[in-house]
Amino acid sequence: MKASNYLEESLGIFQEISDRYNEAICIYSLGQKYYKYGYVEKAEFFLTQALYLSRSLNLPLEKNCLELLKLIK
């Protein structure tokens, strides 16, 4: 899961520079990747984080987060 390594590295950078928009997208992308590869607990963790962040920033990502979280539960 090389892509996840790059996403986690990018997440750290976005958090460091306080880029909340790209942080939310990166967290959502990590949730997607973990879901795709069957890491359900990790996927749920990241998707829940992305959901809260997207709600606080009023991003259109909320719907996508909810759809994937419904598949997990």
N, C-alpha and C. Protein backbone atom coordinates (compact mmCIF):
# COMPACT_ATOMS: atom_id res chain seq x y z
N MET A 1 0.83 -1.18 0.00
CA MET A 1 0.00 0.00 0.00
C MET A 1 0.88 1.25 0.00
N LYS A 2 1.66 1.34 -1.04
CA LYS A 2 2.57 2.48 -1.18
C LYS A 2 1.82 3.81 -1.21
N ALA A 3 0.66 3.82 -1.84
CA ALA A 3 -0.13 5.06 -1.92
C ALA A 3 -0.48 5.56 -0.52
N SER A 4 -0.80 4.66 0.39
CA SER A 4 -1.14 5.06 1.75
C SER A 4 0.05 5.71 2.44
N ASN A 5 1.25 5.22 2.16
CA ASN A 5 2.44 5.84 2.74
C ASN A 5 2.58 7.28 2.28
N TYR A 6 2.36 7.51 1.00
CA TYR A 6 2.44 8.88 0.47
C TYR A 6 1.33 9.76 1.04
N LEU A 7 0.14 9.18 1.18
CA LEU A 7 -0.97 9.94 1.75
C LEU A 7 -0.69 10.32 3.21
N GLU A 8 -0.14 9.39 3.97
CA GLU A 8 0.16 9.68 5.37
C GLU A 8 1.26 10.74 5.48
N GLU A 9 2.23 10.68 4.58
CA GLU A 9 3.28 11.70 4.55
C GLU A 9 2.67 13.06 4.20
N SER A 10 1.81 13.09 3.21
CA SER A 10 1.14 14.33 2.81
C SER A 10 0.27 14.87 3.93
N LEU A 11 -0.41 13.97 4.63
CA LEU A 11 -1.26 14.38 5.74
C LEU A 11 -0.45 15.13 6.79
N GLY A 12 0.71 14.61 7.11
CA GLY A 12 1.58 15.27 8.08
C GLY A 12 1.96 16.67 7.64
N ILE A 13 2.24 16.83 6.36
CA ILE A 13 2.60 18.15 5.82
C ILE A 13 1.41 19.10 5.91
N PHE A 14 0.23 18.62 5.48
CA PHE A 14 -0.97 19.48 5.53
C PHE A 14 -1.30 19.90 6.95
N GLN A 15 -1.11 18.99 7.91
CA GLN A 15 -1.37 19.33 9.30
C GLN A 15 -0.35 20.34 9.81
N GLU A 16 0.89 20.16 9.39
CA GLU A 16 1.96 21.05 9.82
C GLU A 16 1.75 22.49 9.34
N ILE A 17 1.24 22.62 8.12
CA ILE A 17 1.04 23.97 7.56
C ILE A 17 -0.41 24.47 7.75
N SER A 18 -1.18 23.71 8.51
CA SER A 18 -2.59 24.06 8.82
C SER A 18 -3.46 24.22 7.58
N ASP A 19 -3.26 23.33 6.62
CA ASP A 19 -4.08 23.31 5.41
C ASP A 19 -5.23 22.34 5.65
N ARG A 20 -6.29 22.82 6.27
CA ARG A 20 -7.39 21.96 6.70
C ARG A 20 -8.16 21.34 5.53
N TYR A 21 -8.27 22.07 4.44
CA TYR A 21 -8.98 21.56 3.26
C TYR A 21 -8.30 20.29 2.72
N ASN A 22 -7.01 20.40 2.44
CA ASN A 22 -6.29 19.24 1.92
C ASN A 22 -6.09 18.16 2.97
N GLU A 23 -6.06 18.54 4.22
CA GLU A 23 -6.01 17.56 5.29
C GLU A 23 -7.26 16.68 5.25
N ALA A 24 -8.42 17.30 5.10
CA ALA A 24 -9.69 16.55 5.03
C ALA A 24 -9.70 15.61 3.84
N ILE A 25 -9.26 16.08 2.70
CA ILE A 25 -9.24 15.25 1.50
C ILE A 25 -8.27 14.08 1.67
N CYS A 26 -7.14 14.35 2.26
CA CYS A 26 -6.14 13.32 2.47
C CYS A 26 -6.65 12.25 3.45
N ILE A 27 -7.29 12.69 4.52
CA ILE A 27 -7.85 11.76 5.50
C ILE A 27 -8.94 10.90 4.84
N TYR A 28 -9.77 11.52 4.04
CA TYR A 28 -10.82 10.77 3.32
C TYR A 28 -10.19 9.73 2.38
N SER A 29 -9.16 10.15 1.67
CA SER A 29 -8.48 9.24 0.73
C SER A 29 -7.86 8.06 1.47
N LEU A 30 -7.30 8.31 2.65
CA LEU A 30 -6.77 7.20 3.45
C LEU A 30 -7.89 6.25 3.84
N GLY A 31 -9.02 6.80 4.23
CA GLY A 31 -10.17 5.95 4.56
C GLY A 31 -10.61 5.09 3.39
N GLN A 32 -10.63 5.69 2.22
CA GLN A 32 -10.99 4.94 1.00
C GLN A 32 -10.02 3.79 0.76
N LYS A 33 -8.73 4.10 0.83
CA LYS A 33 -7.71 3.08 0.56
C LYS A 33 -7.80 1.94 1.56
N TYR A 34 -7.92 2.28 2.84
CA TYR A 34 -8.01 1.22 3.85
C TYR A 34 -9.26 0.38 3.67
N TYR A 35 -10.36 1.01 3.29
CA TYR A 35 -11.59 0.25 3.02
C TYR A 35 -11.38 -0.69 1.83
N LYS A 36 -10.78 -0.17 0.79
CA LYS A 36 -10.55 -0.96 -0.42
C LYS A 36 -9.71 -2.21 -0.14
N TYR A 37 -8.76 -2.09 0.75
CA TYR A 37 -7.86 -3.21 1.05
C TYR A 37 -8.31 -4.03 2.26
N GLY A 38 -9.52 -3.75 2.77
CA GLY A 38 -10.10 -4.58 3.81
C GLY A 38 -9.70 -4.25 5.24
N TYR A 39 -9.06 -3.12 5.43
CA TYR A 39 -8.70 -2.69 6.78
C TYR A 39 -9.85 -1.83 7.32
N VAL A 40 -10.90 -2.51 7.73
CA VAL A 40 -12.16 -1.85 8.05
C VAL A 40 -12.04 -0.91 9.26
N GLU A 41 -11.34 -1.33 10.29
CA GLU A 41 -11.22 -0.48 11.48
C GLU A 41 -10.46 0.80 11.17
N LYS A 42 -9.37 0.67 10.42
CA LYS A 42 -8.61 1.86 10.03
C LYS A 42 -9.44 2.75 9.11
N ALA A 43 -10.17 2.13 8.20
CA ALA A 43 -11.02 2.89 7.29
C ALA A 43 -12.06 3.68 8.07
N GLU A 44 -12.70 3.04 9.02
CA GLU A 44 -13.72 3.71 9.82
C GLU A 44 -13.11 4.88 10.61
N PHE A 45 -11.93 4.68 11.15
CA PHE A 45 -11.25 5.74 11.90
C PHE A 45 -11.02 6.96 11.02
N PHE A 46 -10.44 6.75 9.84
CA PHE A 46 -10.12 7.88 8.96
C PHE A 46 -11.38 8.52 8.38
N LEU A 47 -12.36 7.71 8.02
CA LEU A 47 -13.59 8.26 7.45
C LEU A 47 -14.36 9.07 8.48
N THR A 48 -14.34 8.64 9.72
CA THR A 48 -15.00 9.40 10.78
C THR A 48 -14.30 10.74 10.99
N GLN A 49 -12.98 10.71 10.98
CA GLN A 49 -12.22 11.97 11.08
C GLN A 49 -12.54 12.90 9.91
N ALA A 50 -12.56 12.34 8.72
CA ALA A 50 -12.85 13.14 7.53
C ALA A 50 -14.26 13.72 7.59
N LEU A 51 -15.19 12.94 8.10
CA LEU A 51 -16.57 13.41 8.24
C LEU A 51 -16.65 14.63 9.16
N TYR A 52 -16.05 14.53 10.33
CA TYR A 52 -16.08 15.66 11.27
C TYR A 52 -15.37 16.88 10.71
N LEU A 53 -14.24 16.66 10.07
CA LEU A 53 -13.49 17.78 9.50
C LEU A 53 -14.25 18.42 8.34
N SER A 54 -14.85 17.60 7.49
CA SER A 54 -15.60 18.16 6.36
C SER A 54 -16.82 18.93 6.84
N ARG A 55 -17.45 18.46 7.91
CA ARG A 55 -18.58 19.20 8.48
C ARG A 55 -18.14 20.54 9.05
N SER A 56 -17.01 20.54 9.74
CA SER A 56 -16.55 21.79 10.36
C SER A 56 -16.09 22.80 9.32
N LEU A 57 -15.64 22.31 8.16
CA LEU A 57 -15.19 23.20 7.09
C LEU A 57 -16.26 23.42 6.02
N ASN A 58 -17.42 22.76 6.20
CA ASN A 58 -18.51 22.84 5.23
C ASN A 58 -18.07 22.40 3.83
N LEU A 59 -17.42 21.24 3.78
CA LEU A 59 -16.95 20.67 2.51
C LEU A 59 -17.97 19.67 1.97
N PRO A 60 -18.03 19.51 0.66
CA PRO A 60 -18.98 18.56 0.07
C PRO A 60 -18.58 17.10 0.27
N LEU A 61 -17.53 16.86 1.02
CA LEU A 61 -17.02 15.51 1.27
C LEU A 61 -17.92 14.70 2.21
N GLU A 62 -18.78 15.38 2.93
CA GLU A 62 -19.61 14.74 3.94
C GLU A 62 -20.41 13.57 3.37
N LYS A 63 -21.04 13.77 2.23
CA LYS A 63 -21.87 12.73 1.61
C LYS A 63 -21.03 11.48 1.31
N ASN A 64 -19.85 11.67 0.77
CA ASN A 64 -18.98 10.54 0.43
C ASN A 64 -18.57 9.77 1.69
N CYS A 65 -18.23 10.50 2.74
CA CYS A 65 -17.86 9.87 4.00
C CYS A 65 -18.99 9.02 4.53
N LEU A 66 -20.19 9.58 4.54
CA LEU A 66 -21.35 8.87 5.07
C LEU A 66 -21.65 7.61 4.25
N GLU A 67 -21.51 7.69 2.95
CA GLU A 67 -21.77 6.53 2.10
C GLU A 67 -20.82 5.39 2.41
N LEU A 68 -19.53 5.69 2.56
CA LEU A 68 -18.57 4.63 2.88
C LEU A 68 -18.76 4.11 4.30
N LEU A 69 -19.06 4.98 5.22
CA LEU A 69 -19.29 4.53 6.60
C LEU A 69 -20.50 3.62 6.69
N LYS A 70 -21.52 3.84 5.88
CA LYS A 70 -22.70 2.96 5.87
C LYS A 70 -22.30 1.57 5.38
N LEU A 71 -21.39 1.49 4.43
CA LEU A 71 -20.94 0.18 3.92
C LEU A 71 -20.15 -0.58 4.97
N ILE A 72 -19.46 0.15 5.82
CA ILE A 72 -18.65 -0.48 6.86
C ILE A 72 -19.51 -1.04 7.98
N LYS A 73 -20.54 -0.31 8.36
CA LYS A 73 -21.36 -0.72 9.52
C LYS A 73 -22.47 -1.62 9.17
